[in-house]
Protein backbone atom coordinates (compact mmCIF):
# COMPACT_ATOMS: atom_id res chain seq x y z
CA UNK A 1 5.85 140.35 -45.84
CA UNK A 2 5.99 136.62 -46.13
CA UNK A 3 3.54 136.26 -43.71
CA UNK A 4 0.87 137.86 -46.02
CA UNK A 5 1.87 135.53 -48.76
CA UNK A 6 0.46 132.70 -46.87
CA UNK A 7 -2.72 134.37 -46.61
CA UNK A 8 -3.31 134.61 -50.37
CA UNK A 9 -5.60 131.44 -50.49
CA UNK A 10 -7.51 133.53 -47.94
CA UNK A 11 -7.69 136.48 -50.02
CA UNK A 12 -8.93 134.63 -53.07
CA UNK A 13 -11.75 133.09 -50.89
CA UNK A 14 -12.91 136.38 -49.90
CA UNK A 15 -12.55 137.78 -53.50
CA UNK A 16 -14.63 134.85 -54.45
CA UNK A 17 -17.46 135.22 -51.83
CA UNK A 18 -17.85 139.09 -52.57
CA UNK A 19 -18.07 138.43 -56.27
CA UNK A 20 -20.52 135.47 -56.11
CA UNK A 21 -22.98 136.90 -53.47
CA UNK A 22 -23.25 140.30 -55.60
CA UNK A 23 -23.80 138.14 -58.84
CA UNK A 24 -26.19 135.45 -57.29
CA UNK A 25 -28.17 138.32 -55.67
CA UNK A 26 -28.37 140.24 -59.16
CA UNK A 27 -28.84 137.17 -61.07
CA UNK A 28 -31.65 135.54 -58.99
CA UNK A 29 -33.93 138.51 -59.60
CA UNK A 30 -33.67 137.60 -63.26
CA UNK A 31 -33.82 133.80 -62.94
CA UNK A 32 -36.55 133.79 -60.38
CA UNK A 33 -39.28 136.02 -61.95
CA UNK A 34 -37.44 138.81 -63.80
CA UNK A 35 -36.58 137.02 -67.10
CA UNK A 36 -39.22 138.82 -69.39
CA UNK A 37 -38.04 142.14 -68.17
CA UNK A 38 -34.54 141.16 -68.49
CA UNK A 39 -35.15 139.91 -72.26
CA UNK A 40 -36.87 143.05 -72.92
CA UNK A 41 -34.36 145.12 -71.61
CA UNK A 42 -31.48 143.23 -73.58
CA UNK A 43 -33.31 143.52 -76.40
CA UNK A 44 -33.56 147.12 -76.01
CA UNK A 45 -29.97 147.54 -75.96
CA UNK A 46 -29.73 146.31 -79.70
CA UNK A 47 -28.53 142.96 -78.55
CA UNK A 48 -30.46 139.48 -79.31
CA UNK A 49 -33.14 138.88 -76.53
CA UNK A 50 -31.34 135.38 -76.23
CA UNK A 51 -28.47 136.78 -74.58
CA UNK A 52 -30.64 137.62 -71.87
CA UNK A 53 -30.51 134.01 -70.63
CA UNK A 54 -26.82 134.02 -71.00
CA UNK A 55 -26.40 136.96 -68.76
CA UNK A 56 -28.94 135.52 -66.13
CA UNK A 57 -26.93 132.33 -66.13
CA UNK A 58 -23.47 134.11 -65.86
CA UNK A 59 -24.56 136.04 -63.06
CA UNK A 60 -26.69 133.43 -60.95
CA UNK A 61 -25.05 130.11 -61.88
CA UNK A 62 -21.73 131.63 -62.22
CA UNK A 63 -22.27 133.24 -58.99
CA UNK A 64 -22.59 129.97 -57.29
CA UNK A 65 -19.82 128.27 -59.14
CA UNK A 66 -17.56 130.88 -58.14
CA UNK A 67 -18.42 130.78 -54.47
CA UNK A 68 -17.94 127.15 -54.05
CA UNK A 69 -14.70 127.45 -56.47
CA UNK A 70 -15.97 124.87 -59.06
CA UNK A 71 -15.00 125.61 -62.65
CA UNK A 72 -13.73 129.07 -61.40
CA UNK A 73 -11.83 130.23 -64.36
CA UNK A 74 -14.64 129.54 -66.74
CA UNK A 75 -17.47 131.18 -64.21
CA UNK A 76 -15.41 134.10 -63.55
CA UNK A 77 -14.54 134.81 -67.25
CA UNK A 78 -18.61 134.59 -68.10
CA UNK A 79 -19.07 136.95 -65.33
CA UNK A 80 -16.13 139.42 -66.76
CA UNK A 81 -17.56 139.31 -70.16
CA UNK A 82 -21.12 139.95 -68.64
CA UNK A 83 -20.07 142.96 -66.80
CA UNK A 84 -17.94 144.33 -69.75
CA UNK A 85 -21.07 144.40 -71.84
CA UNK A 86 -23.05 145.73 -68.84
CA UNK A 87 -20.41 148.70 -68.59
CA UNK A 88 -20.41 149.18 -72.40
CA UNK A 89 -24.16 148.87 -73.14
CA UNK A 90 -25.81 150.49 -70.09
CA UNK A 91 -23.34 152.22 -67.69
CA UNK A 92 -20.65 154.11 -69.67
CA UNK A 93 -22.88 156.81 -70.86
CA UNK A 94 -23.33 157.79 -67.05
CA UNK A 95 -19.63 158.05 -66.46
CA UNK A 96 -17.51 156.52 -63.70
CA UNK A 97 -18.97 158.16 -60.77
CA UNK A 98 -22.43 159.51 -61.92
CA UNK A 99 -25.79 158.03 -61.32
CA UNK A 100 -26.03 154.52 -62.64
CA UNK A 101 -22.18 154.81 -63.62
CA UNK A 102 -19.98 151.88 -64.15
CA UNK A 103 -17.73 151.95 -61.10
CA UNK A 104 -19.56 149.22 -59.16
CA UNK A 105 -19.56 146.84 -62.57
CA UNK A 106 -15.82 147.89 -63.08
CA UNK A 107 -14.86 146.66 -59.74
CA UNK A 108 -16.91 143.36 -60.15
CA UNK A 109 -15.19 143.08 -63.62
CA UNK A 110 -11.64 143.51 -62.14
CA UNK A 111 -12.54 140.95 -59.50
CA UNK A 112 -13.64 138.51 -62.17
CA UNK A 113 -10.57 139.28 -64.40
CA UNK A 114 -8.27 138.44 -61.29
CA UNK A 115 -10.18 135.14 -60.78
CA UNK A 116 -9.93 134.37 -64.34
CA UNK A 117 -6.11 134.45 -64.28
CA UNK A 118 -5.22 133.31 -60.69
CA UNK A 119 -8.07 130.67 -60.66
CA UNK A 120 -9.83 129.62 -57.11
CA UNK A 121 -6.60 128.95 -54.89
CA UNK A 122 -6.73 125.78 -52.65
CA UNK A 123 -9.62 126.70 -50.46
CA UNK A 124 -11.88 125.41 -53.38
CA UNK A 125 -13.70 122.44 -55.05
CA UNK A 126 -11.48 123.06 -57.98
CA UNK A 127 -8.51 122.25 -56.04
CA UNK A 128 -10.05 118.85 -54.65
CA UNK A 129 -10.90 118.13 -58.30
CA UNK A 130 -7.56 118.67 -59.56
CA UNK A 131 -6.07 116.30 -56.75
CA UNK A 132 -4.34 119.11 -55.07
CA UNK A 133 -3.90 118.35 -51.12
CA UNK A 134 -5.48 120.37 -48.52
CA UNK A 135 -3.87 122.90 -46.68
CA UNK A 136 -2.84 126.50 -47.32
CA UNK A 137 0.43 125.67 -49.65
CA UNK A 138 -1.62 125.17 -52.72
CA UNK A 139 1.09 122.94 -54.32
CA UNK A 140 0.20 119.97 -56.34
CA UNK A 141 1.01 116.64 -54.97
CA UNK A 142 3.58 114.82 -57.10
């Protein structure tokens, strides 16, 4: 099983790519043309309309940051909060598996939760920013 431990950086990379791609896809629809609709939808949920800009930013720009592994913990936390609000305000009433249910945002929130606590791993810009050496070990240079 030690062999699998050595693949953990790759697993974190796959998690980042999956989460980031989905978030960019959803966020780009809002940022590039659908912001008015998103503001209206957020307002209809009883939340201030300006929160739509935070939501779209967390999705689009957070997704980009997560993929490249820059400020990953912060971006993943923003995505986690965004998905938690989406589950609470939009999807909860449909149940886990119903039409429009919360199974998909829950899975995204779980990935974001893990990345918030584990970080991006060594295959990321965060590790370069911290001065961690390249390679799979993820150990900081002393």
